[in-house]
Protein backbone atom coordinates (compact mmCIF):
# COMPACT_ATOMS: atom_id res chain seq x y z
CA MET A 1 127.67 -33.98 -5.20
CA SER A 2 128.46 -35.78 -8.41
CA PHE A 3 126.05 -36.95 -11.06
CA GLN A 4 125.91 -39.92 -13.37
CA ASN A 5 125.85 -39.17 -17.06
CA SER A 6 122.41 -39.12 -18.60
CA PRO A 7 121.61 -41.62 -21.39
CA MET A 8 121.92 -38.74 -23.87
CA GLU A 9 125.49 -38.03 -22.76
CA ALA A 10 126.30 -41.73 -22.73
CA SER A 11 124.74 -42.51 -26.11
CA THR A 12 128.11 -42.64 -27.86
CA LYS A 13 129.08 -45.52 -25.55
CA LYS A 14 125.81 -47.39 -25.95
CA ASN A 15 126.77 -49.82 -28.64
CA ILE A 16 130.32 -50.48 -27.50
CA LEU A 17 129.30 -53.36 -25.23
CA LYS A 18 128.98 -56.52 -27.29
CA VAL A 19 127.83 -59.64 -25.50
CA GLU A 20 127.70 -63.15 -26.95
CA ARG A 21 125.16 -65.37 -25.24
CA SER A 22 124.77 -69.14 -25.17
CA ASN A 23 121.34 -70.66 -25.57
CA PRO A 24 119.62 -70.88 -22.19
CA ILE A 25 119.70 -74.15 -20.31
CA VAL A 26 117.14 -74.99 -17.64
CA ILE A 27 118.31 -75.35 -14.02
CA LEU A 28 116.08 -77.52 -11.83
CA PRO A 29 116.25 -78.10 -8.07
CA GLU A 30 118.95 -80.68 -7.28
CA HIS A 31 116.51 -82.84 -5.25
CA GLU A 32 112.78 -83.52 -5.13
CA THR A 33 110.74 -80.58 -3.82
CA PRO A 34 107.10 -80.07 -2.72
CA GLU A 35 104.55 -80.08 -5.55
CA SER A 36 101.62 -78.31 -3.92
CA SER A 37 100.50 -74.89 -5.14
CA LEU A 38 101.80 -71.86 -3.24
CA PHE A 39 99.32 -69.26 -1.99
CA LEU A 40 100.13 -65.65 -2.97
CA THR A 41 98.86 -62.78 -0.83
CA SER A 42 97.02 -59.73 -2.17
CA LEU A 43 100.33 -57.85 -1.71
CA ASP A 44 102.13 -60.39 -3.92
CA GLN A 45 99.48 -59.97 -6.63
CA VAL A 46 99.93 -56.19 -7.02
CA ALA A 47 102.84 -56.21 -9.49
CA PRO A 48 103.55 -59.55 -11.21
CA ALA A 49 106.33 -58.07 -13.34
CA MET A 50 109.93 -59.14 -13.90
CA VAL A 51 112.44 -56.92 -12.10
CA PRO A 52 115.99 -56.92 -13.54
CA SER A 53 119.14 -56.35 -11.49
CA VAL A 54 122.87 -56.88 -11.96
CA TYR A 55 125.55 -57.93 -9.49
CA SER A 56 129.06 -57.11 -10.70
CA PHE A 57 132.38 -58.52 -9.48
CA ASP A 58 135.87 -57.27 -10.35
CA ARG A 59 137.47 -60.71 -10.37
CA SER A 60 136.50 -64.33 -10.97
CA GLY A 61 137.92 -67.80 -11.52
CA ALA A 62 137.92 -70.17 -14.47
CA ASN A 63 135.10 -72.17 -12.85
CA VAL A 64 132.84 -69.21 -11.98
CA ILE A 65 129.99 -70.25 -14.28
CA ASP A 66 129.93 -73.85 -13.04
CA VAL A 67 130.07 -72.78 -9.39
CA ILE A 68 127.12 -70.38 -9.76
CA LYS A 69 125.12 -72.84 -11.88
CA GLN A 70 125.58 -75.74 -9.42
CA ALA A 71 124.83 -73.48 -6.45
CA LEU A 72 121.58 -72.42 -8.17
CA ALA A 73 120.44 -76.07 -8.45
CA ARG A 74 121.18 -76.52 -4.73
CA ILE A 75 119.49 -73.31 -3.54
CA LEU A 76 116.37 -74.05 -5.60
CA VAL A 77 115.77 -77.00 -3.26
CA HIS A 78 115.17 -74.44 -0.49
CA TYR A 79 113.57 -71.78 -2.71
CA TYR A 80 111.64 -74.31 -4.79
CA PRO A 81 108.70 -72.01 -5.77
CA LEU A 82 111.12 -70.09 -8.03
CA ALA A 83 111.37 -73.17 -10.26
CA GLY A 84 107.58 -73.30 -10.66
CA ARG A 85 105.18 -71.22 -12.74
CA LEU A 86 102.24 -68.92 -12.08
CA ALA A 87 98.69 -70.19 -12.44
CA ILE A 88 95.21 -68.79 -11.78
CA ASN A 89 93.08 -70.60 -9.21
CA SER A 90 89.30 -71.06 -9.12
CA GLN A 91 88.89 -67.69 -7.36
CA GLY A 92 90.71 -65.93 -10.20
CA LYS A 93 93.80 -65.27 -8.02
CA LEU A 94 97.43 -65.93 -8.88
CA VAL A 95 99.16 -68.90 -7.23
CA VAL A 96 102.47 -70.64 -7.89
CA ASP A 97 102.11 -74.09 -9.41
CA CYS A 98 105.05 -75.93 -7.82
CA GLN A 99 104.21 -79.15 -9.65
CA LYS A 100 104.99 -77.45 -12.96
CA LYS A 101 108.77 -77.47 -12.50
CA LEU A 102 109.94 -75.75 -15.65
CA GLY A 103 113.00 -74.45 -13.82
CA VAL A 104 115.18 -71.36 -14.18
CA PRO A 105 116.63 -70.41 -17.60
CA PHE A 106 120.40 -69.96 -17.20
CA VAL A 107 122.59 -68.23 -19.80
CA GLU A 108 126.37 -68.04 -20.16
CA ALA A 109 127.81 -64.98 -21.90
CA MET A 110 131.07 -63.29 -22.86
CA ALA A 111 131.67 -59.54 -23.17
CA ASP A 112 134.46 -57.98 -25.26
CA TYR A 113 134.80 -55.23 -22.70
CA GLY A 114 136.39 -54.26 -19.41
CA ILE A 115 133.91 -54.25 -16.56
CA GLU A 116 135.14 -50.82 -15.42
CA ASN A 117 133.72 -49.36 -18.66
CA LEU A 118 130.18 -49.94 -17.42
CA GLY A 119 130.44 -46.63 -15.52
CA ASP A 120 128.18 -46.21 -12.49
CA ARG A 121 127.18 -49.82 -12.00
CA ARG A 122 124.34 -48.92 -9.65
CA LEU A 123 122.26 -47.25 -12.38
CA LEU A 124 122.69 -49.06 -15.66
CA ASP A 125 121.73 -47.79 -19.08
CA SER A 126 118.79 -49.78 -20.47
CA ASP A 127 120.87 -50.93 -23.44
CA VAL A 128 123.55 -52.35 -21.11
CA LEU A 129 120.93 -53.89 -18.83
CA ASP A 130 119.34 -55.70 -21.80
CA LYS A 131 122.69 -57.30 -22.61
CA LEU A 132 123.51 -58.38 -19.05
CA VAL A 133 120.09 -59.71 -18.03
CA TYR A 134 118.38 -62.52 -19.95
CA ARG A 135 114.68 -61.94 -20.58
CA ASP A 136 112.75 -65.03 -21.62
CA PRO A 137 110.79 -64.65 -24.90
CA MET A 138 107.83 -66.40 -23.18
CA GLU A 139 107.87 -63.84 -20.35
CA HIS A 140 104.39 -62.54 -21.17
CA ILE A 141 102.66 -65.94 -21.28
CA LEU A 142 101.63 -66.47 -17.67
CA GLU A 143 101.60 -70.28 -17.48
CA VAL A 144 105.08 -70.81 -18.95
CA ALA A 145 106.90 -67.59 -18.02
CA PRO A 146 109.84 -68.26 -15.70
CA LEU A 147 109.75 -66.61 -12.27
CA LEU A 148 113.53 -66.19 -12.32
CA THR A 149 116.20 -66.01 -15.03
CA ALA A 150 119.98 -65.85 -14.58
CA GLN A 151 122.88 -64.80 -16.82
CA VAL A 152 126.58 -64.92 -15.95
CA THR A 153 128.66 -62.66 -18.21
CA LYS A 154 132.46 -62.92 -18.15
CA PHE A 155 134.46 -59.80 -19.05
CA LYS A 156 137.90 -59.53 -20.66
CA CYS A 157 139.36 -58.00 -17.51
CA GLY A 158 138.55 -61.10 -15.46
CA GLY A 159 135.47 -59.63 -13.82
CA PHE A 160 131.95 -60.95 -14.24
CA THR A 161 128.34 -59.97 -13.75
CA LEU A 162 125.37 -62.00 -12.57
CA GLY A 163 122.22 -60.55 -14.11
CA ILE A 164 118.87 -61.76 -12.84
CA ALA A 165 115.24 -61.04 -13.61
CA LEU A 166 112.93 -61.95 -10.72
CA ASN A 167 109.14 -61.78 -10.72
CA HIS A 168 108.02 -59.20 -8.15
CA CYS A 169 105.14 -61.41 -7.02
CA MET A 170 107.76 -63.77 -5.58
CA ALA A 171 109.80 -61.33 -3.53
CA ASP A 172 110.26 -57.77 -2.33
CA GLY A 173 113.73 -56.27 -1.83
CA VAL A 174 114.36 -57.93 1.55
CA SER A 175 113.31 -61.38 0.28
CA ALA A 176 115.28 -61.01 -2.95
CA MET A 177 118.37 -60.09 -0.93
CA SER A 178 117.88 -63.15 1.31
CA PHE A 179 117.64 -65.40 -1.73
CA MET A 180 120.72 -63.93 -3.41
CA ASN A 181 122.80 -64.18 -0.24
CA ALA A 182 121.63 -67.77 0.29
CA TRP A 183 122.61 -68.61 -3.31
CA ALA A 184 126.03 -67.07 -2.65
CA GLU A 185 126.39 -69.12 0.56
CA MET A 186 125.74 -72.28 -1.46
CA ALA A 187 128.44 -71.22 -3.93
CA ARG A 188 130.91 -70.86 -1.04
CA ALA A 189 129.81 -74.24 0.42
CA LYS A 190 128.48 -72.53 3.54
CA PRO A 191 125.39 -73.62 5.50
CA LEU A 192 122.27 -71.51 5.03
CA SER A 193 122.24 -68.68 7.56
CA LEU A 194 118.51 -68.07 6.98
CA VAL A 195 115.99 -70.81 6.17
CA PRO A 196 113.16 -69.47 3.99
CA CYS A 197 109.55 -69.57 5.23
CA HIS A 198 107.11 -70.14 2.36
CA ASP A 199 103.89 -69.96 4.39
CA ARG A 200 102.33 -66.81 2.99
CA THR A 201 98.93 -67.58 4.56
CA ILE A 202 100.27 -65.60 7.56
CA LEU A 203 99.25 -62.54 5.49
CA LYS A 204 95.97 -63.91 4.19
CA SER A 205 93.02 -61.50 4.00
CA ARG A 206 90.33 -61.83 6.65
CA VAL A 207 86.81 -63.18 6.15
CA PRO A 208 84.81 -61.03 6.33
CA PRO A 209 87.18 -58.19 5.38
CA GLN A 210 87.70 -55.42 7.96
CA ILE A 211 88.67 -52.31 6.01
CA ALA A 212 89.63 -49.15 7.87
CA GLY A 213 90.38 -46.96 4.79
CA PRO A 214 89.92 -44.75 2.83
CA TYR A 215 93.37 -44.83 1.25
CA ASN A 216 94.85 -41.76 -0.40
CA ASP A 217 96.85 -43.76 -2.93
CA PHE A 218 93.56 -44.84 -4.53
CA VAL A 219 92.38 -41.22 -4.85
CA HIS A 220 92.10 -40.23 -8.52
CA VAL A 221 94.46 -37.38 -9.44
CA SER A 222 93.84 -35.40 -12.64
CA ASP A 223 96.76 -34.07 -14.68
CA VAL A 224 95.87 -30.38 -14.64
CA SER A 225 99.51 -29.44 -15.32
CA ASN A 226 99.83 -31.25 -18.69
CA MET A 227 102.67 -33.42 -17.39
CA THR A 228 101.55 -36.21 -19.72
CA ALA A 229 102.78 -34.22 -22.73
CA LEU A 230 106.09 -33.52 -21.00
CA PHE A 231 106.71 -37.24 -20.43
CA GLU A 232 105.62 -38.13 -23.98
CA GLU A 233 107.51 -35.41 -25.87
CA GLN A 234 110.86 -35.35 -24.07
CA GLN A 235 113.57 -37.92 -23.56
CA LEU A 236 113.49 -39.53 -20.13
CA VAL A 237 116.85 -38.84 -18.47
CA TYR A 238 118.13 -40.88 -15.53
CA LYS A 239 120.58 -39.47 -13.01
CA SER A 240 122.16 -40.42 -9.74
CA PHE A 241 122.62 -37.72 -7.08
CA HIS A 242 125.11 -38.45 -4.33
CA PHE A 243 124.59 -37.08 -0.82
CA ASP A 244 127.59 -37.49 1.45
CA ALA A 245 127.36 -37.29 5.25
CA GLU A 246 127.86 -33.51 5.23
CA LYS A 247 125.14 -32.92 2.63
CA LEU A 248 122.76 -35.23 4.50
CA ALA A 249 123.36 -33.27 7.70
CA THR A 250 122.42 -30.07 5.82
CA VAL A 251 119.20 -31.64 4.52
CA LYS A 252 118.28 -32.84 8.03
CA ARG A 253 118.90 -29.37 9.45
CA MET A 254 116.64 -27.87 6.77
CA ALA A 255 113.90 -30.31 7.70
CA THR A 256 113.94 -29.39 11.37
CA LYS A 257 114.88 -25.72 11.60
CA ASP A 258 111.47 -24.21 10.85
CA GLN A 259 109.67 -25.73 13.81
CA GLN A 260 110.38 -27.10 17.25
CA VAL A 261 110.56 -30.88 17.04
CA THR A 262 111.26 -33.28 19.86
CA SER A 263 113.61 -35.35 17.75
CA SER A 264 115.26 -34.80 14.38
CA TYR A 265 113.98 -36.59 11.30
CA THR A 266 115.80 -39.56 9.82
CA SER A 267 117.91 -39.07 6.70
CA PHE A 268 115.22 -40.92 4.72
CA VAL A 269 112.39 -38.63 5.86
CA ALA A 270 114.37 -35.42 5.33
CA LEU A 271 115.68 -36.50 1.93
CA ALA A 272 112.25 -37.74 0.80
CA ALA A 273 110.76 -34.33 1.67
CA LEU A 274 113.46 -32.56 -0.37
CA VAL A 275 113.07 -34.86 -3.41
CA TRP A 276 109.25 -34.71 -3.39
CA ARG A 277 109.30 -30.93 -3.29
CA ALA A 278 112.05 -30.45 -5.90
CA ARG A 279 110.50 -32.99 -8.31
CA SER A 280 107.05 -31.36 -8.09
CA MET A 281 108.65 -27.99 -8.86
CA ALA A 282 110.76 -29.41 -11.69
CA LEU A 283 107.66 -30.89 -13.36
CA LYS A 284 106.06 -27.41 -13.25
CA MET A 285 103.02 -28.65 -11.39
CA LYS A 286 100.35 -25.97 -11.06
CA LEU A 287 99.47 -24.75 -7.58
CA HIS A 288 96.15 -26.61 -7.57
CA GLN A 289 97.71 -29.82 -8.96
CA GLN A 290 97.46 -32.65 -6.43
CA SER A 291 100.87 -34.16 -5.73
CA LYS A 292 100.95 -37.75 -4.57
CA LEU A 293 103.87 -39.39 -2.76
CA LEU A 294 103.93 -43.12 -2.01
CA LEU A 295 106.48 -44.57 0.42
CA LEU A 296 107.53 -48.21 0.44
CA VAL A 297 107.71 -49.37 4.07
CA ASP A 298 108.92 -52.83 5.12
CA PHE A 299 106.47 -53.96 7.80
CA ARG A 300 108.10 -57.24 8.90
CA SER A 301 108.77 -55.94 12.40
CA ARG A 302 105.62 -53.76 12.61
CA LEU A 303 103.08 -56.55 13.02
CA ASN A 304 101.92 -57.48 16.52
CA THR A 305 103.34 -60.92 15.78
CA PRO A 306 106.41 -60.19 13.62
CA LEU A 307 106.86 -62.28 10.47
CA PRO A 308 109.35 -65.17 10.68
CA ASP A 309 112.92 -64.06 9.90
CA GLY A 310 113.02 -66.00 6.65
CA TYR A 311 109.58 -64.95 5.36
CA PHE A 312 109.89 -65.14 1.57
CA GLY A 313 107.39 -62.89 -0.19
CA ASN A 314 106.20 -59.28 -0.27
CA ALA A 315 105.92 -57.55 3.10
CA VAL A 316 105.82 -53.90 2.05
CA ALA A 317 103.15 -51.31 2.76
CA MET A 318 102.68 -48.17 0.67
CA PRO A 319 101.39 -45.29 2.81
CA CYS A 320 100.57 -42.14 0.89
CA CYS A 321 101.02 -38.38 1.29
CA LEU A 322 98.60 -36.28 -0.76
CA CYS A 323 98.38 -32.49 -0.97
CA THR A 324 98.30 -29.74 -3.57
CA THR A 325 101.55 -28.50 -5.05
CA GLY A 326 100.71 -25.08 -3.60
CA GLU A 327 100.60 -26.54 -0.09
CA LEU A 328 103.79 -28.50 -0.71
CA ILE A 329 105.95 -25.58 -1.84
CA GLU A 330 104.47 -22.92 0.41
CA GLU A 331 104.89 -24.90 3.61
CA PRO A 332 108.40 -25.24 5.12
CA ILE A 333 110.25 -28.44 4.28
CA SER A 334 109.84 -29.42 7.94
CA ALA A 335 106.06 -29.63 7.36
CA SER A 336 106.57 -31.92 4.34
CA ALA A 337 108.90 -34.05 6.46
CA GLU A 338 106.22 -34.23 9.16
CA ARG A 339 103.68 -35.47 6.57
CA ILE A 340 106.12 -38.21 5.55
CA LYS A 341 106.93 -39.17 9.15
CA LYS A 342 103.22 -39.48 10.00
CA ALA A 343 102.57 -41.59 6.90
CA ILE A 344 105.34 -44.01 7.88
CA GLU A 345 104.11 -44.13 11.50
CA SER A 346 100.62 -45.01 10.24
CA VAL A 347 101.91 -48.44 9.19
CA THR A 348 100.65 -50.43 12.19
CA ASP A 349 99.32 -53.98 12.47
CA ASP A 350 95.76 -52.70 12.01
CA TYR A 351 96.75 -50.67 8.93
CA ILE A 352 98.55 -53.63 7.33
CA ARG A 353 95.71 -56.11 7.95
CA SER A 354 93.12 -53.62 6.65
CA ARG A 355 95.27 -52.88 3.64
CA ILE A 356 95.60 -56.59 2.77
CA ASP A 357 91.80 -56.95 2.98
CA TYR A 358 91.32 -53.88 0.79
CA LEU A 359 93.74 -55.07 -1.90
CA ASP A 360 92.00 -58.44 -1.97
CA MET A 361 88.84 -56.67 -3.17
CA ASN A 362 90.22 -53.67 -5.11
CA ARG A 363 92.76 -53.56 -7.89
CA LEU A 364 95.34 -50.77 -8.01
CA GLU A 365 94.82 -49.48 -11.57
CA GLY A 366 98.02 -47.77 -12.64
CA LEU A 367 99.45 -44.59 -11.18
CA PRO A 368 98.46 -41.05 -12.17
CA VAL A 369 101.18 -39.12 -14.00
CA GLY A 370 103.27 -37.08 -11.59
CA THR A 371 102.96 -39.65 -8.78
CA LEU A 372 106.24 -40.30 -6.98
CA ILE A 373 107.15 -43.60 -5.29
CA ILE A 374 110.20 -43.50 -3.02
CA SER A 375 111.85 -46.69 -1.87
CA SER A 376 114.98 -46.98 0.21
CA TRP A 377 117.38 -49.86 -0.27
CA VAL A 378 119.94 -48.25 2.01
CA ARG A 379 119.62 -50.95 4.68
CA LEU A 380 119.65 -53.84 2.23
CA GLU A 381 123.17 -55.21 2.18
CA TYR A 382 123.22 -56.12 -1.50
CA GLY A 383 126.95 -55.48 -1.64
CA LYS A 384 127.50 -58.38 0.77
CA THR A 385 126.54 -60.94 -1.87
CA ASP A 386 129.76 -62.96 -2.29
CA PHE A 387 129.91 -66.05 -4.53
CA GLY A 388 133.55 -66.63 -3.64
CA TRP A 389 135.18 -63.76 -5.53
CA GLY A 390 134.54 -60.87 -3.15
CA GLU A 391 131.60 -58.60 -2.51
CA SER A 392 129.46 -57.38 -5.37
CA ARG A 393 128.33 -54.04 -6.65
CA PHE A 394 124.59 -54.01 -7.08
CA GLY A 395 122.94 -52.29 -10.03
CA ILE A 396 119.50 -51.64 -11.45
CA GLY A 397 118.08 -50.12 -14.59
CA GLY A 398 114.75 -49.53 -16.23
CA LEU A 399 113.37 -47.59 -13.27
CA PRO A 400 109.77 -46.49 -13.93
CA SER A 401 109.43 -42.72 -14.32
CA SER A 402 107.33 -42.68 -11.13
CA SER A 403 110.09 -44.28 -9.04
CA CYS A 404 112.91 -42.81 -7.02
CA MET A 405 115.34 -45.07 -5.24
CA PHE A 406 117.70 -44.35 -2.35
CA MET A 407 120.76 -46.60 -2.28
CA SER A 408 123.68 -46.84 0.08
CA GLU A 409 127.00 -45.22 -0.77
CA GLY A 410 128.75 -47.98 1.17
CA ARG A 411 131.81 -46.99 3.12
CA GLU A 412 131.19 -43.30 2.43
CA LYS A 413 128.07 -43.44 4.64
CA GLY A 414 126.16 -41.45 2.06
CA ILE A 415 123.02 -41.99 0.01
CA ALA A 416 122.64 -42.08 -3.77
CA VAL A 417 119.26 -40.78 -5.02
CA MET A 418 118.30 -42.25 -8.40
CA LEU A 419 115.40 -41.19 -10.58
CA GLY A 420 114.31 -40.43 -14.14
CA LEU A 421 112.66 -37.26 -15.42
CA PRO A 422 111.95 -35.59 -18.78
CA LEU A 423 115.08 -33.70 -19.86
CA SER A 424 113.89 -30.15 -19.06
CA ALA A 425 112.56 -31.26 -15.67
CA MET A 426 115.84 -33.01 -14.87
CA ILE A 427 117.80 -29.80 -15.60
CA THR A 428 115.57 -27.91 -13.15
CA PHE A 429 115.65 -30.71 -10.57
CA GLU A 430 119.45 -30.77 -10.69
CA LYS A 431 119.62 -27.00 -10.09
CA LEU A 432 117.27 -27.26 -7.13
CA ILE A 433 119.14 -30.17 -5.58
CA CYS A 434 122.51 -28.45 -6.10
CA ASP A 435 121.36 -25.31 -4.32
CA LEU A 436 119.39 -26.51 -1.35
CA ASN A 437 118.51 -22.96 -0.34
CA ASP A 438 116.68 -22.48 -3.65
CA THR A 439 114.60 -25.57 -2.98
CA GLN A 440 113.42 -24.01 0.25
CA HIS A 441 112.43 -20.64 -1.13
CA THR A 442 112.08 -20.70 -4.93
CA HIS A 443 108.87 -21.46 -6.83
CA ILE A 444 110.59 -22.33 -10.12
CA GLY A 445 108.13 -22.94 -12.93
CA ILE A 446 105.11 -23.00 -10.64
CA GLN A 447 101.94 -21.81 -12.32
CA SER A 448 98.70 -20.89 -10.61
């Protein structure tokens, strides 16, 4: 396995990238679009925050900025809510005001840099991300904050990046990918391969609500291991751990060898069990510390009536595994994998409908320190986004300390595991991940 440099190791490179930006211009839909307000589900309302990402391309043409800008005006006709603004309705819920067409801020930029110097373009340093993604100064004022921003940065080598910030209440990973690929189709003068469906009332909560909880992710977890101090006092270090096909096979064997199972676990389940265990150990959680794992599960095909192919919105459930650290490290990894498998299997039509009803009445108030959220973007073909200059490399940055992301290694058929931890915890985590046998048997830093 190879690892990306931590921000500390990369700090000498931090200020090398200089980017000159134009003032933003506003891109509006090319034609008239509906002006009604758009209903947002209780799932859409959970995290109305801007999510930055960067698509990088090794080559471009002289007209790259114009092509992308004009394609954006055309695609906004189909994805018109992105040109609107958030509002609060009479029930105190967020909606999208599609009459308030304030458009998408679009920025042109030049970098005095070769694009290859960005390093691992999947996990970008926050300093680099800030220069490649335009963040609107009005971002925190609900009624005028854009739901999408775009920045095209041309590099000296001829490559370019497209940095976007997209409000999470508008789209999950699958929907964001559909939008980006549709935008790219417009740039290549291709017909839309997927027409978006904006009817989010399909996932409306029921009246009266029918809640089948309780839900473990709402269980209060106390920090009995003083992890709060660890996160406050130490630098947060981000790293990328690469598991090739051989390493994945080893992890899957570890997850199945301790018990008779009718079928082997998926790479996601086995790897999630390994990461959850190693991270809990690296954070020196005490044996009686509750350890909470949340899994992001796309439920589009899990409903009794599947969502339309082009459903544009959030369709992700978050089943939870909850146990003490003592249970987690003393049980074989196969038992942790079984917990994860059962949590994923619990995402049925009944679970999803109940969950939507629950979220309509209860707010998720932050996450306890030490909580881990694992999301897999392995099946999302972000690299297929082609504006006419070849496929992109997809990158993120600014991952919350609670998040771990699995991303595809492309042709290598591997998985990159990306996460951030306090420096001392990252050193321990790296040791555990490097020696998989240790992760099975060692109780590093565990205190009773």
